[in-house]
Structure formats: structure tokens, C-alpha cells
N, C-alpha and C. Protein backbone atom coordinates (compact mmCIF):
# COMPACT_ATOMS: atom_id res chain seq x y z
N UNK A 1 -36.60 168.98 4.98
CA UNK A 1 -36.80 168.00 3.96
C UNK A 1 -35.61 168.05 3.02
N UNK A 2 -35.20 166.87 2.59
CA UNK A 2 -34.12 166.76 1.62
C UNK A 2 -34.65 166.04 0.39
N UNK A 3 -34.45 166.61 -0.76
CA UNK A 3 -34.88 165.99 -2.02
C UNK A 3 -33.67 165.31 -2.64
N UNK A 4 -33.82 164.02 -2.89
CA UNK A 4 -32.73 163.24 -3.46
C UNK A 4 -33.05 162.88 -4.89
N UNK A 5 -32.08 162.99 -5.74
CA UNK A 5 -32.27 162.63 -7.14
C UNK A 5 -31.70 161.23 -7.37
N UNK A 6 -32.53 160.33 -7.84
CA UNK A 6 -32.06 159.01 -8.18
C UNK A 6 -32.91 158.45 -9.30
N UNK A 7 -32.39 157.49 -10.00
CA UNK A 7 -33.08 156.89 -11.14
C UNK A 7 -33.45 155.45 -10.83
N UNK A 8 -34.56 155.04 -11.43
CA UNK A 8 -34.96 153.64 -11.31
C UNK A 8 -34.01 152.78 -12.14
N UNK A 9 -33.81 151.53 -11.75
CA UNK A 9 -32.98 150.64 -12.56
C UNK A 9 -33.54 150.53 -13.98
N UNK A 10 -32.67 150.29 -14.93
CA UNK A 10 -33.06 150.28 -16.35
C UNK A 10 -34.05 149.18 -16.69
N UNK A 11 -34.11 148.11 -15.89
CA UNK A 11 -35.04 147.01 -16.19
C UNK A 11 -36.49 147.33 -15.78
N UNK A 12 -36.73 148.44 -15.12
CA UNK A 12 -38.10 148.85 -14.76
C UNK A 12 -38.68 149.63 -15.93
N UNK A 13 -39.78 149.12 -16.48
CA UNK A 13 -40.41 149.77 -17.62
C UNK A 13 -41.25 150.96 -17.17
N UNK A 14 -41.63 151.78 -18.12
CA UNK A 14 -42.44 152.97 -17.83
C UNK A 14 -43.76 152.57 -17.17
N UNK A 15 -44.38 151.49 -17.64
CA UNK A 15 -45.68 151.07 -17.08
C UNK A 15 -45.54 150.53 -15.66
N UNK A 16 -44.38 150.00 -15.30
CA UNK A 16 -44.16 149.48 -13.95
C UNK A 16 -43.57 150.53 -13.01
N UNK A 17 -43.28 151.71 -13.53
CA UNK A 17 -42.58 152.74 -12.77
C UNK A 17 -43.29 153.17 -11.51
N UNK A 18 -44.62 153.30 -11.56
CA UNK A 18 -45.36 153.77 -10.38
C UNK A 18 -45.21 152.80 -9.22
N UNK A 19 -45.50 151.53 -9.47
CA UNK A 19 -45.43 150.54 -8.40
C UNK A 19 -44.00 150.34 -7.92
N UNK A 20 -43.11 150.03 -8.83
CA UNK A 20 -41.73 149.74 -8.42
C UNK A 20 -41.01 151.00 -7.95
N UNK A 21 -41.35 152.13 -8.51
CA UNK A 21 -40.75 153.38 -8.07
C UNK A 21 -41.10 153.66 -6.62
N UNK A 22 -42.34 153.39 -6.25
CA UNK A 22 -42.77 153.58 -4.87
C UNK A 22 -42.02 152.63 -3.95
N UNK A 23 -41.89 151.39 -4.35
CA UNK A 23 -41.18 150.41 -3.52
C UNK A 23 -39.71 150.79 -3.35
N UNK A 24 -39.06 151.21 -4.44
CA UNK A 24 -37.66 151.62 -4.36
C UNK A 24 -37.51 152.86 -3.48
N UNK A 25 -38.43 153.79 -3.59
CA UNK A 25 -38.36 155.01 -2.77
C UNK A 25 -38.50 154.67 -1.29
N UNK A 26 -39.41 153.76 -0.95
CA UNK A 26 -39.61 153.38 0.44
C UNK A 26 -38.38 152.64 0.98
N UNK A 27 -37.84 151.74 0.19
CA UNK A 27 -36.64 151.02 0.63
C UNK A 27 -35.46 151.97 0.79
N UNK A 28 -35.32 152.90 -0.13
CA UNK A 28 -34.24 153.88 -0.04
C UNK A 28 -34.36 154.70 1.24
N UNK A 29 -35.55 155.16 1.53
CA UNK A 29 -35.80 155.94 2.75
C UNK A 29 -35.50 155.10 3.99
N UNK A 30 -35.97 153.86 3.99
CA UNK A 30 -35.74 152.99 5.14
C UNK A 30 -34.25 152.77 5.39
N UNK A 31 -33.51 152.44 4.36
CA UNK A 31 -32.09 152.13 4.55
C UNK A 31 -31.26 153.38 4.84
N UNK A 32 -31.68 154.54 4.35
CA UNK A 32 -30.96 155.77 4.68
C UNK A 32 -31.18 156.19 6.14
N UNK A 33 -32.32 155.83 6.71
CA UNK A 33 -32.67 156.30 8.05
C UNK A 33 -32.49 155.25 9.14
N UNK A 34 -32.17 154.05 8.77
CA UNK A 34 -32.18 152.94 9.73
C UNK A 34 -31.21 153.12 10.90
N UNK A 35 -30.12 153.83 10.70
CA UNK A 35 -29.13 153.98 11.77
C UNK A 35 -29.32 155.22 12.64
N UNK A 36 -30.23 156.11 12.28
CA UNK A 36 -30.36 157.33 13.08
C UNK A 36 -31.79 157.72 13.43
N UNK A 37 -32.76 156.88 13.12
CA UNK A 37 -34.15 157.14 13.54
C UNK A 37 -34.68 155.94 14.31
N UNK A 38 -35.54 156.20 15.26
CA UNK A 38 -36.17 155.10 16.00
C UNK A 38 -37.34 154.49 15.23
N UNK A 39 -38.07 155.33 14.50
CA UNK A 39 -39.25 154.85 13.79
C UNK A 39 -39.30 155.47 12.40
N UNK A 40 -39.77 154.69 11.45
CA UNK A 40 -40.04 155.17 10.10
C UNK A 40 -41.45 154.71 9.76
N UNK A 41 -42.29 155.63 9.35
CA UNK A 41 -43.68 155.31 9.02
C UNK A 41 -43.92 155.62 7.57
N UNK A 42 -44.45 154.66 6.84
CA UNK A 42 -44.85 154.87 5.45
C UNK A 42 -46.37 154.88 5.44
N UNK A 43 -46.93 156.02 5.09
CA UNK A 43 -48.37 156.19 5.16
C UNK A 43 -48.81 157.10 4.02
N UNK A 44 -49.91 156.75 3.38
CA UNK A 44 -50.46 157.62 2.34
C UNK A 44 -51.01 158.89 2.97
N UNK A 45 -50.93 159.99 2.25
CA UNK A 45 -51.40 161.26 2.79
C UNK A 45 -52.91 161.30 3.01
N UNK A 46 -53.65 160.45 2.30
CA UNK A 46 -55.10 160.45 2.45
C UNK A 46 -55.58 159.36 3.42
N UNK A 47 -54.68 158.77 4.16
CA UNK A 47 -55.03 157.76 5.15
C UNK A 47 -54.54 158.21 6.52
N UNK A 48 -55.21 157.76 7.56
CA UNK A 48 -54.88 158.16 8.91
C UNK A 48 -54.72 156.94 9.80
N UNK A 49 -53.75 156.99 10.69
CA UNK A 49 -53.60 155.96 11.70
C UNK A 49 -54.21 156.53 12.98
N UNK A 50 -55.22 155.85 13.48
CA UNK A 50 -55.93 156.33 14.67
C UNK A 50 -55.76 155.29 15.78
N UNK A 51 -54.85 155.53 16.71
CA UNK A 51 -54.66 154.58 17.81
C UNK A 51 -55.90 154.52 18.71
N UNK A 52 -56.20 153.35 19.21
CA UNK A 52 -57.37 153.19 20.08
C UNK A 52 -57.02 153.32 21.56
N UNK A 53 -55.77 153.04 21.94
CA UNK A 53 -55.40 153.05 23.35
C UNK A 53 -54.57 154.26 23.75
N UNK A 54 -54.13 155.04 22.80
CA UNK A 54 -53.26 156.19 23.08
C UNK A 54 -53.79 157.43 22.37
N UNK A 55 -53.28 158.58 22.75
CA UNK A 55 -53.75 159.85 22.19
C UNK A 55 -53.35 160.01 20.73
N UNK A 56 -52.15 159.53 20.38
CA UNK A 56 -51.67 159.68 19.01
C UNK A 56 -50.66 158.58 18.70
N UNK A 57 -50.19 158.54 17.47
CA UNK A 57 -49.27 157.48 17.05
C UNK A 57 -47.92 157.61 17.75
N UNK A 58 -47.49 158.83 18.01
CA UNK A 58 -46.22 159.04 18.72
C UNK A 58 -46.26 158.42 20.11
N UNK A 59 -47.36 158.63 20.82
CA UNK A 59 -47.51 158.04 22.16
C UNK A 59 -47.51 156.51 22.09
N UNK A 60 -48.14 155.98 21.08
CA UNK A 60 -48.18 154.53 20.90
C UNK A 60 -46.78 153.98 20.72
N UNK A 61 -46.03 154.57 19.81
CA UNK A 61 -44.68 154.09 19.52
C UNK A 61 -43.74 154.28 20.71
N UNK A 62 -43.84 155.41 21.39
CA UNK A 62 -42.99 155.65 22.55
C UNK A 62 -43.31 154.67 23.69
N UNK A 63 -44.57 154.32 23.86
CA UNK A 63 -44.95 153.36 24.88
C UNK A 63 -44.34 151.99 24.59
N UNK A 64 -44.38 151.59 23.35
CA UNK A 64 -43.79 150.31 22.96
C UNK A 64 -42.28 150.34 23.18
N UNK A 65 -41.67 151.47 22.84
CA UNK A 65 -40.23 151.61 23.01
C UNK A 65 -39.85 151.56 24.50
N UNK A 66 -40.64 152.20 25.36
CA UNK A 66 -40.36 152.20 26.81
C UNK A 66 -40.47 150.81 27.41
N UNK A 67 -41.36 150.00 26.86
CA UNK A 67 -41.53 148.63 27.36
C UNK A 67 -40.42 147.72 26.89
N UNK A 68 -39.52 148.27 26.06
CA UNK A 68 -38.36 147.53 25.56
C UNK A 68 -38.78 146.30 24.75
N UNK A 69 -39.86 146.45 24.02
CA UNK A 69 -40.35 145.37 23.15
C UNK A 69 -39.71 145.55 21.79
N UNK A 70 -39.15 144.49 21.26
CA UNK A 70 -38.54 144.56 19.93
C UNK A 70 -39.63 144.36 18.88
N UNK A 71 -39.86 145.39 18.10
CA UNK A 71 -40.86 145.35 17.05
C UNK A 71 -40.19 145.78 15.76
N UNK A 72 -40.36 145.00 14.71
CA UNK A 72 -39.76 145.38 13.44
C UNK A 72 -40.79 145.90 12.45
N UNK A 73 -42.06 145.64 12.73
CA UNK A 73 -43.09 146.12 11.81
C UNK A 73 -44.44 146.11 12.52
N UNK A 74 -45.32 146.99 12.05
CA UNK A 74 -46.70 147.01 12.51
C UNK A 74 -47.59 146.80 11.30
N UNK A 75 -48.66 146.09 11.50
CA UNK A 75 -49.68 145.99 10.48
C UNK A 75 -50.90 146.69 11.03
N UNK A 76 -51.40 147.66 10.30
CA UNK A 76 -52.52 148.46 10.77
C UNK A 76 -53.76 148.04 9.99
N UNK A 77 -54.83 147.73 10.71
CA UNK A 77 -56.08 147.34 10.06
C UNK A 77 -56.66 148.51 9.29
N UNK A 78 -57.05 148.25 8.07
CA UNK A 78 -57.67 149.26 7.22
C UNK A 78 -59.18 149.23 7.44
N UNK A 79 -59.76 150.39 7.65
CA UNK A 79 -61.19 150.47 7.86
C UNK A 79 -61.71 151.70 7.15
N UNK A 80 -62.67 151.52 6.27
CA UNK A 80 -63.21 152.66 5.54
C UNK A 80 -64.22 153.41 6.41
N UNK A 81 -64.55 154.60 5.99
CA UNK A 81 -65.53 155.42 6.71
C UNK A 81 -66.84 154.65 6.86
N UNK A 82 -67.29 154.02 5.79
CA UNK A 82 -68.59 153.36 5.82
C UNK A 82 -68.57 152.12 6.71
N UNK A 83 -67.47 151.39 6.72
CA UNK A 83 -67.35 150.24 7.62
C UNK A 83 -67.36 150.69 9.07
N UNK A 84 -66.63 151.76 9.37
CA UNK A 84 -66.59 152.29 10.73
C UNK A 84 -67.96 152.77 11.16
N UNK A 85 -68.65 153.47 10.28
CA UNK A 85 -70.00 153.97 10.60
C UNK A 85 -70.94 152.82 10.91
N UNK A 86 -70.89 151.77 10.08
CA UNK A 86 -71.77 150.61 10.28
C UNK A 86 -71.46 149.91 11.59
N UNK A 87 -70.18 149.79 11.95
CA UNK A 87 -69.81 149.15 13.22
C UNK A 87 -70.30 149.97 14.41
N UNK A 88 -70.19 151.28 14.32
CA UNK A 88 -70.64 152.15 15.41
C UNK A 88 -72.15 152.06 15.61
N UNK A 89 -72.88 151.87 14.53
CA UNK A 89 -74.34 151.86 14.60
C UNK A 89 -74.91 150.45 14.61
N UNK A 90 -74.03 149.44 14.79
CA UNK A 90 -74.48 148.06 14.93
C UNK A 90 -75.09 147.47 13.69
N UNK A 91 -74.65 147.89 12.53
CA UNK A 91 -75.21 147.34 11.29
C UNK A 91 -74.31 146.28 10.71
């Protein structure tokens, strides 16, 4: 892990720092890694991506890469525990 020190632009106020700081951090990470990584995933630590057709997210991404499909982004459906439970039990 590498920790980088950078400052938000001066036009970002303290109250907007959380939202815009997160966006700037993600963009910074994306542009720093774009030339030497195949995949970049932005995911909250308290959320999980659970593939339905593959064993894990790595297998999913590698399968797409092997098929030579050009993908620039994925949108993952959000499902809470309670929604998933209700779907499993037909409610």
C-alpha cells in the first residue's frame, strides 16, 4: 500500500469535503492505475460483490477479459439482507 498526500482544491468547502474528497480520491486512484492495472474496483468495506455465475469477482472479471469483451464499467445491483431474505422465501 502506498499513502499519497494531496489536498482538495481550495473551492471545496469543509462541508462538501466528504463527498467531493471521495470523488477526487477515486478519480486520482483511477488515473494513477489506468496504464498498469487491468481492473480497478471501488467498493465500500461494508458491502460485498457476490457473483451469481462464478466463484468470485476475480473469476468473473477474468472470464470477461478472456472473452475479449470491451467493458469500461460495471453496475452492480444493490440488495439488502432483508430484500434477499424475502426473495429467497417468496415474500
